[in-house]
Amino acid sequence: MNLVVIGADSVNQVQELVTAARDFQPLSPQAQHQLEKAVAPFARGLMYYKP
């Protein structure tokens, strides 16, 4: 596994990010749908950040 960490302020942050990457579990399709519904009202405003 490869992991790139950009902008970590401490070794502890790097360790937390490694743990999160190692233990990553994708969301279920139902959870993905719930997340999409939750952020939908903010989608237009967030398009500002899209390259």
PDB file of N, CA and C in Angstrom:
ATOM      1  N   MET A   1       0.845  -1.174   0.000  1.00  0.00           N
ATOM      2  CA  MET A   1       0.000   0.000   0.000  1.00  0.00           C
ATOM      3  C   MET A   1       0.889   1.236   0.000  1.00  0.00           C
ATOM      4  N   ASN A   2       0.494   2.225  -0.776  1.00  0.00           N
ATOM      5  CA  ASN A   2       1.193   3.506  -0.811  1.00  0.00           C
ATOM      6  C   ASN A   2       0.289   4.574  -0.242  1.00  0.00           C
ATOM      7  N   LEU A   3       0.882   5.528   0.445  1.00  0.00           N
ATOM      8  CA  LEU A   3       0.123   6.618   1.042  1.00  0.00           C
ATOM      9  C   LEU A   3       0.927   7.890   0.911  1.00  0.00           C
ATOM     10  N   VAL A   4       0.318   8.934   0.396  1.00  0.00           N
ATOM     11  CA  VAL A   4       0.950  10.239   0.310  1.00  0.00           C
ATOM     12  C   VAL A   4       0.245  11.138   1.310  1.00  0.00           C
ATOM     13  N   VAL A   5       1.030  11.787   2.166  1.00  0.00           N
ATOM     14  CA  VAL A   5       0.482  12.688   3.178  1.00  0.00           C
ATOM     15  C   VAL A   5       1.020  14.073   2.884  1.00  0.00           C
ATOM     16  N   ILE A   6       0.107  15.012   2.680  1.00  0.00           N
ATOM     17  CA  ILE A   6       0.489  16.389   2.393  1.00  0.00           C
ATOM     18  C   ILE A   6      -0.086  17.283   3.478  1.00  0.00           C
ATOM     19  N   GLY A   7       0.749  18.094   4.077  1.00  0.00           N
ATOM     20  CA  GLY A   7       0.283  19.090   5.021  1.00  0.00           C
ATOM     21  C   GLY A   7       0.071  18.608   6.443  1.00  0.00           C
ATOM     22  N   ALA A   8       0.628  17.477   6.816  1.00  0.00           N
ATOM     23  CA  ALA A   8       0.508  17.030   8.205  1.00  0.00           C
ATOM     24  C   ALA A   8       1.408  17.894   9.079  1.00  0.00           C
ATOM     25  N   ASP A   9       0.903  18.243  10.249  1.00  0.00           N
ATOM     26  CA  ASP A   9       1.647  19.113  11.157  1.00  0.00           C
ATOM     27  C   ASP A   9       2.473  18.346  12.175  1.00  0.00           C
ATOM     28  N   SER A  10       2.247  17.046  12.291  1.00  0.00           N
ATOM     29  CA  SER A  10       2.971  16.278  13.306  1.00  0.00           C
ATOM     30  C   SER A  10       3.040  14.812  12.906  1.00  0.00           C
ATOM     31  N   VAL A  11       3.916  14.087  13.567  1.00  0.00           N
ATOM     32  CA  VAL A  11       4.023  12.660  13.345  1.00  0.00           C
ATOM     33  C   VAL A  11       2.720  11.981  13.735  1.00  0.00           C
ATOM     34  N   ASN A  12       2.071  12.468  14.784  1.00  0.00           N
ATOM     35  CA  ASN A  12       0.795  11.901  15.217  1.00  0.00           C
ATOM     36  C   ASN A  12      -0.253  11.998  14.111  1.00  0.00           C
ATOM     37  N   GLN A  13      -0.306  13.117  13.422  1.00  0.00           N
ATOM     38  CA  GLN A  13      -1.253  13.260  12.311  1.00  0.00           C
ATOM     39  C   GLN A  13      -0.950  12.252  11.207  1.00  0.00           C
ATOM     40  N   VAL A  14       0.318  12.054  10.903  1.00  0.00           N
ATOM     41  CA  VAL A  14       0.694  11.079   9.871  1.00  0.00           C
ATOM     42  C   VAL A  14       0.247   9.688  10.306  1.00  0.00           C
ATOM     43  N   GLN A  15       0.466   9.344  11.567  1.00  0.00           N
ATOM     44  CA  GLN A  15       0.065   8.033  12.068  1.00  0.00           C
ATOM     45  C   GLN A  15      -1.455   7.854  11.978  1.00  0.00           C
ATOM     46  N   GLU A  16      -2.211   8.898  12.305  1.00  0.00           N
ATOM     47  CA  GLU A  16      -3.675   8.826  12.204  1.00  0.00           C
ATOM     48  C   GLU A  16      -4.106   8.613  10.761  1.00  0.00           C
ATOM     49  N   LEU A  17      -3.461   9.307   9.828  1.00  0.00           N
ATOM     50  CA  LEU A  17      -3.811   9.164   8.415  1.00  0.00           C
ATOM     51  C   LEU A  17      -3.459   7.776   7.886  1.00  0.00           C
ATOM     52  N   VAL A  18      -2.346   7.228   8.334  1.00  0.00           N
ATOM     53  CA  VAL A  18      -1.968   5.871   7.930  1.00  0.00           C
ATOM     54  C   VAL A  18      -3.001   4.876   8.441  1.00  0.00           C
ATOM     55  N   THR A  19      -3.417   5.044   9.692  1.00  0.00           N
ATOM     56  CA  THR A  19      -4.432   4.149  10.263  1.00  0.00           C
ATOM     57  C   THR A  19      -5.740   4.263   9.489  1.00  0.00           C
ATOM     58  N   ALA A  20      -6.148   5.482   9.159  1.00  0.00           N
ATOM     59  CA  ALA A  20      -7.394   5.673   8.403  1.00  0.00           C
ATOM     60  C   ALA A  20      -7.300   5.013   7.032  1.00  0.00           C
ATOM     61  N   ALA A  21      -6.152   5.140   6.372  1.00  0.00           N
ATOM     62  CA  ALA A  21      -5.986   4.525   5.044  1.00  0.00           C
ATOM     63  C   ALA A  21      -5.962   3.003   5.155  1.00  0.00           C
ATOM     64  N   ARG A  22      -5.276   2.483   6.153  1.00  0.00           N
ATOM     65  CA  ARG A  22      -5.154   1.031   6.319  1.00  0.00           C
ATOM     66  C   ARG A  22      -6.504   0.399   6.634  1.00  0.00           C
ATOM     67  N   ASP A  23      -7.310   1.089   7.449  1.00  0.00           N
ATOM     68  CA  ASP A  23      -8.584   0.540   7.907  1.00  0.00           C
ATOM     69  C   ASP A  23      -9.773   0.977   7.052  1.00  0.00           C
ATOM     70  N   PHE A  24      -9.495   1.626   5.923  1.00  0.00           N
ATOM     71  CA  PHE A  24     -10.563   2.172   5.091  1.00  0.00           C
ATOM     72  C   PHE A  24     -11.578   1.111   4.686  1.00  0.00           C
ATOM     73  N   GLN A  25     -12.842   1.455   4.828  1.00  0.00           N
ATOM     74  CA  GLN A  25     -13.951   0.628   4.360  1.00  0.00           C
ATOM     75  C   GLN A  25     -14.865   1.536   3.534  1.00  0.00           C
ATOM     76  N   PRO A  26     -15.149   1.171   2.296  1.00  0.00           N
ATOM     77  CA  PRO A  26     -16.036   2.019   1.495  1.00  0.00           C
ATOM     78  C   PRO A  26     -17.442   2.054   2.086  1.00  0.00           C
ATOM     79  N   LEU A  27     -18.125   3.149   1.827  1.00  0.00           N
ATOM     80  CA  LEU A  27     -19.512   3.272   2.275  1.00  0.00           C
ATOM     81  C   LEU A  27     -20.392   2.306   1.496  1.00  0.00           C
ATOM     82  N   SER A  28     -21.425   1.848   2.146  1.00  0.00           N
ATOM     83  CA  SER A  28     -22.414   1.030   1.444  1.00  0.00           C
ATOM     84  C   SER A  28     -23.149   1.925   0.448  1.00  0.00           C
ATOM     85  N   PRO A  29     -23.769   1.341  -0.562  1.00  0.00           N
ATOM     86  CA  PRO A  29     -24.544   2.164  -1.494  1.00  0.00           C
ATOM     87  C   PRO A  29     -25.617   3.001  -0.780  1.00  0.00           C
ATOM     88  N   GLN A  30     -26.238   2.447   0.251  1.00  0.00           N
ATOM     89  CA  GLN A  30     -27.254   3.194   0.996  1.00  0.00           C
ATOM     90  C   GLN A  30     -26.626   4.386   1.720  1.00  0.00           C
ATOM     91  N   ALA A  31     -25.477   4.187   2.333  1.00  0.00           N
ATOM     92  CA  ALA A  31     -24.795   5.275   3.037  1.00  0.00           C
ATOM     93  C   ALA A  31     -24.317   6.338   2.044  1.00  0.00           C
ATOM     94  N   GLN A  32     -23.864   5.914   0.864  1.00  0.00           N
ATOM     95  CA  GLN A  32     -23.465   6.874  -0.164  1.00  0.00           C
ATOM     96  C   GLN A  32     -24.651   7.746  -0.559  1.00  0.00           C
ATOM     97  N   HIS A  33     -25.797   7.115  -0.750  1.00  0.00           N
ATOM     98  CA  HIS A  33     -27.004   7.854  -1.127  1.00  0.00           C
ATOM     99  C   HIS A  33     -27.389   8.852  -0.033  1.00  0.00           C
ATOM    100  N   GLN A  34     -27.324   8.433   1.225  1.00  0.00           N
ATOM    101  CA  GLN A  34     -27.657   9.330   2.338  1.00  0.00           C
ATOM    102  C   GLN A  34     -26.704  10.522   2.374  1.00  0.00           C
ATOM    103  N   LEU A  35     -25.423  10.275   2.148  1.00  0.00           N
ATOM    104  CA  LEU A  35     -24.443  11.358   2.142  1.00  0.00           C
ATOM    105  C   LEU A  35     -24.712  12.322   0.988  1.00  0.00           C
ATOM    106  N   GLU A  36     -25.007  11.777  -0.184  1.00  0.00           N
ATOM    107  CA  GLU A  36     -25.321  12.625  -1.339  1.00  0.00           C
ATOM    108  C   GLU A  36     -26.535  13.503  -1.057  1.00  0.00           C
ATOM    109  N   LYS A  37     -27.572  12.935  -0.436  1.00  0.00           N
ATOM    110  CA  LYS A  37     -28.763  13.718  -0.097  1.00  0.00           C
ATOM    111  C   LYS A  37     -28.425  14.811   0.908  1.00  0.00           C
ATOM    112  N   ALA A  38     -27.558  14.497   1.864  1.00  0.00           N
ATOM    113  CA  ALA A  38     -27.213  15.457   2.909  1.00  0.00           C
ATOM    114  C   ALA A  38     -26.442  16.660   2.357  1.00  0.00           C
ATOM    115  N   VAL A  39     -25.574  16.447   1.361  1.00  0.00           N
ATOM    116  CA  VAL A  39     -24.757  17.541   0.841  1.00  0.00           C
ATOM    117  C   VAL A  39     -25.355  18.205  -0.398  1.00  0.00           C
ATOM    118  N   ALA A  40     -26.420  17.639  -0.949  1.00  0.00           N
ATOM    119  CA  ALA A  40     -27.035  18.187  -2.165  1.00  0.00           C
ATOM    120  C   ALA A  40     -27.358  19.680  -2.053  1.00  0.00           C
ATOM    121  N   PRO A  41     -27.882  20.166  -0.917  1.00  0.00           N
ATOM    122  CA  PRO A  41     -28.185  21.595  -0.833  1.00  0.00           C
ATOM    123  C   PRO A  41     -26.945  22.491  -0.957  1.00  0.00           C
ATOM    124  N   PHE A  42     -25.767  21.951  -0.745  1.00  0.00           N
ATOM    125  CA  PHE A  42     -24.538  22.735  -0.789  1.00  0.00           C
ATOM    126  C   PHE A  42     -23.779  22.558  -2.096  1.00  0.00           C
ATOM    127  N   ALA A  43     -24.270  21.697  -2.982  1.00  0.00           N
ATOM    128  CA  ALA A  43     -23.540  21.325  -4.198  1.00  0.00           C
ATOM    129  C   ALA A  43     -23.208  22.526  -5.071  1.00  0.00           C
ATOM    130  N   ARG A  44     -24.134  23.409  -5.294  1.00  0.00           N
ATOM    131  CA  ARG A  44     -23.878  24.562  -6.173  1.00  0.00           C
ATOM    132  C   ARG A  44     -22.746  25.419  -5.619  1.00  0.00           C
ATOM    133  N   GLY A  45     -22.753  25.688  -4.341  1.00  0.00           N
ATOM    134  CA  GLY A  45     -21.701  26.477  -3.729  1.00  0.00           C
ATOM    135  C   GLY A  45     -20.342  25.793  -3.766  1.00  0.00           C
ATOM    136  N   LEU A  46     -20.347  24.471  -3.668  1.00  0.00           N
ATOM    137  CA  LEU A  46     -19.089  23.726  -3.684  1.00  0.00           C
ATOM    138  C   LEU A  46     -18.492  23.621  -5.080  1.00  0.00           C
ATOM    139  N   MET A  47     -19.283  23.856  -6.112  1.00  0.00           N
ATOM    140  CA  MET A  47     -18.773  23.805  -7.490  1.00  0.00           C
ATOM    141  C   MET A  47     -17.676  24.841  -7.697  1.00  0.00           C
ATOM    142  N   TYR A  48     -17.645  25.868  -6.850  1.00  0.00           N
ATOM    143  CA  TYR A  48     -16.603  26.895  -6.920  1.00  0.00           C
ATOM    144  C   TYR A  48     -15.224  26.256  -6.832  1.00  0.00           C
ATOM    145  N   TYR A  49     -15.097  25.190  -6.045  1.00  0.00           N
ATOM    146  CA  TYR A  49     -13.802  24.567  -5.799  1.00  0.00           C
ATOM    147  C   TYR A  49     -13.431  23.525  -6.852  1.00  0.00           C
ATOM    148  N   LYS A  50     -14.352  23.209  -7.741  1.00  0.00           N
ATOM    149  CA  LYS A  50     -14.078  22.194  -8.758  1.00  0.00           C
ATOM    150  C   LYS A  50     -13.143  22.773  -9.819  1.00  0.00           C
ATOM    151  N   PRO A  51     -12.071  22.031 -10.152  1.00  0.00           N
ATOM    152  CA  PRO A  51     -11.124  22.556 -11.160  1.00  0.00           C
ATOM    153  C   PRO A  51     -11.740  22.637 -12.538  1.00  0.00           C
TER     154      PRO A  51
END
